[in-house]
Structures are given as structure tokens and as C-alpha cells.
Amino acid sequence: MIESHGGPREGGDIYVGPSVEHGHPTAQKYIAIGVILAVITAIEVAVYYIPEYVPGFAPLLPPILLILSAIKFSLVVMFFMHLKFDSRLFSSFFVGGLLLAGAVLIALLALFHHFFA
């Protein structure tokens, strides 16, 4: 058996390493993250209306909105889905699935663009 402090007991049991627990964010941290998400959303809304007043800004709109959305997505995943505090294995599964879904999406867009263009 393994003792509570993570060390091996006599008898040749397997040592799994010390027990490491990370503290989850406090309520203040969640409020701060919520405020950051609200500010990024306000920036997204403001950026959406800029092309009406600044000529030539329209081509920059999609990349800017995608970057801001990616930042919001990563904050939500890290903190509200607790991936920042869980095992790297869970993060790897999540990111791997996300990359696979993105690759399938890009492949389908390329395929249908070829047939319907």
C-alpha cells in the first residue's frame, strides 16, 4: 500500500510519487475572468462596427475577431472547464480532438469549395 504522504510502504509496492493538488481559483479569480471575457466581448462588438467608419478595415475584421474569440475560448477552457488544473492527459485529449475537428472542417470546406465554386 502507499502511505498518505505518497511514499512507498515496505513490501515492494509501486511508488506513484507525491500527491500534488493544485488549488482551484477563488471566487475573485472567477469574477476577474468574467470581467475579462466581458471586456473582450465589448471589444469584439466595437471592432465589428469599425468598418462603417474606417474605410479599408473590412479585410482585417475576420482575423481580429478570430483572435479575440480564440482568447475567450482558451480562458473558458482553462478555467471554467478546469483543464488548467487537471492532468495534461485530459488537456491532450481535448486539444487533440479540437485539432482533429478543425482539420475535418478545413478539409470539408476545401472539398465543397472545389465542387461548388
C-alpha atoms as a PDB file:
ATOM      1  CA  MET A   1       0.000   0.000   0.000  1.00  0.00           C
ATOM      2  CA  ILE A   2       1.013   3.618  -0.361  1.00  0.00           C
ATOM      3  CA  GLU A   3       1.101   5.931   2.601  1.00  0.00           C
ATOM      4  CA  SER A   4      -0.870   9.163   2.620  1.00  0.00           C
ATOM      5  CA  HIS A   5       2.240  11.272   2.014  1.00  0.00           C
ATOM      6  CA  GLY A   6       2.904   9.449  -1.251  1.00  0.00           C
ATOM      7  CA  GLY A   7       5.912   7.360  -0.219  1.00  0.00           C
ATOM      8  CA  PRO A   8       6.173   3.575  -0.563  1.00  0.00           C
ATOM      9  CA  ARG A   9       5.472   1.183   2.298  1.00  0.00           C
ATOM     10  CA  GLU A  10       7.505  -1.846   2.998  1.00  0.00           C
ATOM     11  CA  GLY A  11       6.667  -4.834   0.862  1.00  0.00           C
ATOM     12  CA  GLY A  12       7.726  -3.646  -2.594  1.00  0.00           C
ATOM     13  CA  ASP A  13       4.641  -1.649  -3.589  1.00  0.00           C
ATOM     14  CA  ILE A  14       4.877   0.705  -6.540  1.00  0.00           C
ATOM     15  CA  TYR A  15       5.802   4.308  -5.824  1.00  0.00           C
ATOM     16  CA  VAL A  16       3.450   6.659  -7.650  1.00  0.00           C
ATOM     17  CA  GLY A  17       5.032   9.901  -6.499  1.00  0.00           C
ATOM     18  CA  PRO A  18       3.912  12.540  -4.075  1.00  0.00           C
ATOM     19  CA  SER A  19       0.323  13.649  -4.082  1.00  0.00           C
ATOM     20  CA  VAL A  20       0.162  17.078  -5.650  1.00  0.00           C
ATOM     21  CA  GLU A  21      -3.045  19.045  -5.547  1.00  0.00           C
ATOM     22  CA  HIS A  22      -3.422  22.405  -7.172  1.00  0.00           C
ATOM     23  CA  GLY A  23      -5.761  24.928  -5.657  1.00  0.00           C
ATOM     24  CA  HIS A  24      -8.734  25.881  -7.749  1.00  0.00           C
ATOM     25  CA  PRO A  25      -9.392  29.563  -8.354  1.00  0.00           C
ATOM     26  CA  THR A  26     -11.191  31.614  -5.787  1.00  0.00           C
ATOM     27  CA  ALA A  27     -14.442  33.447  -6.421  1.00  0.00           C
ATOM     28  CA  GLN A  28     -12.482  36.647  -7.027  1.00  0.00           C
ATOM     29  CA  LYS A  29     -10.499  34.899  -9.770  1.00  0.00           C
ATOM     30  CA  TYR A  30     -13.705  33.741 -11.475  1.00  0.00           C
ATOM     31  CA  ILE A  31     -15.114  37.263 -11.271  1.00  0.00           C
ATOM     32  CA  ALA A  32     -11.911  38.662 -12.784  1.00  0.00           C
ATOM     33  CA  ILE A  33     -12.089  36.127 -15.616  1.00  0.00           C
ATOM     34  CA  GLY A  34     -15.740  37.036 -16.191  1.00  0.00           C
ATOM     35  CA  VAL A  35     -14.822  40.716 -16.388  1.00  0.00           C
ATOM     36  CA  ILE A  36     -12.004  39.934 -18.853  1.00  0.00           C
ATOM     37  CA  LEU A  37     -14.437  37.917 -21.001  1.00  0.00           C
ATOM     38  CA  ALA A  38     -16.954  40.787 -20.917  1.00  0.00           C
ATOM     39  CA  VAL A  39     -14.271  43.300 -21.934  1.00  0.00           C
ATOM     40  CA  ILE A  40     -13.136  41.095 -24.826  1.00  0.00           C
ATOM     41  CA  THR A  41     -16.777  40.737 -25.929  1.00  0.00           C
ATOM     42  CA  ALA A  42     -17.193  44.525 -25.829  1.00  0.00           C
ATOM     43  CA  ILE A  43     -14.035  44.886 -27.936  1.00  0.00           C
ATOM     44  CA  GLU A  44     -15.434  42.360 -30.430  1.00  0.00           C
ATOM     45  CA  VAL A  45     -18.671  44.323 -30.743  1.00  0.00           C
ATOM     46  CA  ALA A  46     -16.750  47.586 -31.174  1.00  0.00           C
ATOM     47  CA  VAL A  47     -14.432  46.050 -33.778  1.00  0.00           C
ATOM     48  CA  TYR A  48     -17.457  44.796 -35.715  1.00  0.00           C
ATOM     49  CA  TYR A  49     -18.709  48.377 -36.185  1.00  0.00           C
ATOM     50  CA  ILE A  50     -15.323  49.929 -37.095  1.00  0.00           C
ATOM     51  CA  PRO A  51     -15.579  49.169 -40.870  1.00  0.00           C
ATOM     52  CA  GLU A  52     -18.548  51.537 -41.056  1.00  0.00           C
ATOM     53  CA  TYR A  53     -16.286  54.434 -40.039  1.00  0.00           C
ATOM     54  CA  VAL A  54     -12.831  53.371 -41.256  1.00  0.00           C
ATOM     55  CA  PRO A  55     -12.537  52.562 -44.958  1.00  0.00           C
ATOM     56  CA  GLY A  56     -10.324  49.597 -45.766  1.00  0.00           C
ATOM     57  CA  PHE A  57     -10.727  47.957 -42.345  1.00  0.00           C
ATOM     58  CA  ALA A  58     -13.129  45.247 -43.519  1.00  0.00           C
ATOM     59  CA  PRO A  59     -10.417  42.725 -44.594  1.00  0.00           C
ATOM     60  CA  LEU A  60      -8.923  42.886 -41.081  1.00  0.00           C
ATOM     61  CA  LEU A  61     -12.226  42.120 -39.396  1.00  0.00           C
ATOM     62  CA  PRO A  62     -12.245  38.287 -39.622  1.00  0.00           C
ATOM     63  CA  PRO A  63      -8.684  37.751 -38.310  1.00  0.00           C
ATOM     64  CA  ILE A  64      -9.180  40.178 -35.429  1.00  0.00           C
ATOM     65  CA  LEU A  65     -12.482  38.572 -34.410  1.00  0.00           C
ATOM     66  CA  LEU A  66     -10.991  35.068 -34.704  1.00  0.00           C
ATOM     67  CA  ILE A  67      -8.048  36.002 -32.474  1.00  0.00           C
ATOM     68  CA  LEU A  68     -10.297  37.596 -29.859  1.00  0.00           C
ATOM     69  CA  SER A  69     -12.612  34.573 -29.950  1.00  0.00           C
ATOM     70  CA  ALA A  70      -9.646  32.210 -29.541  1.00  0.00           C
ATOM     71  CA  ILE A  71      -8.520  34.131 -26.470  1.00  0.00           C
ATOM     72  CA  LYS A  72     -12.001  33.894 -24.962  1.00  0.00           C
ATOM     73  CA  PHE A  73     -12.219  30.207 -25.828  1.00  0.00           C
ATOM     74  CA  SER A  74      -8.895  29.438 -24.171  1.00  0.00           C
ATOM     75  CA  LEU A  75      -9.870  31.310 -20.991  1.00  0.00           C
ATOM     76  CA  VAL A  76     -13.156  29.427 -20.732  1.00  0.00           C
ATOM     77  CA  VAL A  77     -11.487  26.070 -21.359  1.00  0.00           C
ATOM     78  CA  MET A  78      -8.640  26.673 -18.929  1.00  0.00           C
ATOM     79  CA  PHE A  79     -10.651  27.987 -16.016  1.00  0.00           C
ATOM     80  CA  PHE A  80     -14.319  27.048 -16.317  1.00  0.00           C
ATOM     81  CA  MET A  81     -13.631  23.566 -17.694  1.00  0.00           C
ATOM     82  CA  HIS A  82     -10.757  23.217 -15.177  1.00  0.00           C
ATOM     83  CA  LEU A  83      -8.299  21.919 -17.782  1.00  0.00           C
ATOM     84  CA  LYS A  84      -5.618  24.159 -16.325  1.00  0.00           C
ATOM     85  CA  PHE A  85      -5.815  22.232 -13.060  1.00  0.00           C
ATOM     86  CA  ASP A  86      -6.328  18.704 -14.394  1.00  0.00           C
ATOM     87  CA  SER A  87      -3.874  16.192 -15.773  1.00  0.00           C
ATOM     88  CA  ARG A  88      -2.058  17.004 -19.002  1.00  0.00           C
ATOM     89  CA  LEU A  89      -3.627  13.850 -20.426  1.00  0.00           C
ATOM     90  CA  PHE A  90      -7.101  15.429 -20.340  1.00  0.00           C
ATOM     91  CA  SER A  91      -5.768  18.605 -21.948  1.00  0.00           C
ATOM     92  CA  SER A  92      -4.104  16.493 -24.643  1.00  0.00           C
ATOM     93  CA  PHE A  93      -7.349  14.653 -25.387  1.00  0.00           C
ATOM     94  CA  PHE A  94      -9.242  17.937 -25.606  1.00  0.00           C
ATOM     95  CA  VAL A  95      -6.680  19.684 -27.826  1.00  0.00           C
ATOM     96  CA  GLY A  96      -6.262  16.579 -29.996  1.00  0.00           C
ATOM     97  CA  GLY A  97      -9.996  16.351 -30.590  1.00  0.00           C
ATOM     98  CA  LEU A  98     -10.170  20.052 -31.290  1.00  0.00           C
ATOM     99  CA  LEU A  99      -7.355  19.839 -33.841  1.00  0.00           C
ATOM    100  CA  LEU A 100      -8.971  16.825 -35.496  1.00  0.00           C
ATOM    101  CA  ALA A 101     -12.313  18.633 -35.728  1.00  0.00           C
ATOM    102  CA  GLY A 102     -10.581  21.683 -37.196  1.00  0.00           C
ATOM    103  CA  ALA A 103      -8.770  19.553 -39.766  1.00  0.00           C
ATOM    104  CA  VAL A 104     -12.029  17.867 -40.802  1.00  0.00           C
ATOM    105  CA  LEU A 105     -13.722  21.267 -41.073  1.00  0.00           C
ATOM    106  CA  ILE A 106     -10.948  22.653 -43.254  1.00  0.00           C
ATOM    107  CA  ALA A 107     -10.976  19.522 -45.433  1.00  0.00           C
ATOM    108  CA  LEU A 108     -14.734  19.743 -45.909  1.00  0.00           C
ATOM    109  CA  LEU A 109     -14.572  23.449 -46.717  1.00  0.00           C
ATOM    110  CA  ALA A 110     -11.861  22.780 -49.281  1.00  0.00           C
ATOM    111  CA  LEU A 111     -13.816  19.870 -50.747  1.00  0.00           C
ATOM    112  CA  PHE A 112     -17.096  21.747 -51.100  1.00  0.00           C
ATOM    113  CA  HIS A 113     -15.367  24.873 -52.330  1.00  0.00           C
ATOM    114  CA  HIS A 114     -13.845  22.780 -55.110  1.00  0.00           C
ATOM    115  CA  PHE A 115     -17.205  21.268 -56.139  1.00  0.00           C
ATOM    116  CA  PHE A 116     -19.394  24.363 -55.772  1.00  0.00           C
ATOM    117  CA  ALA A 117     -17.005  27.080 -56.943  1.00  0.00           C
END
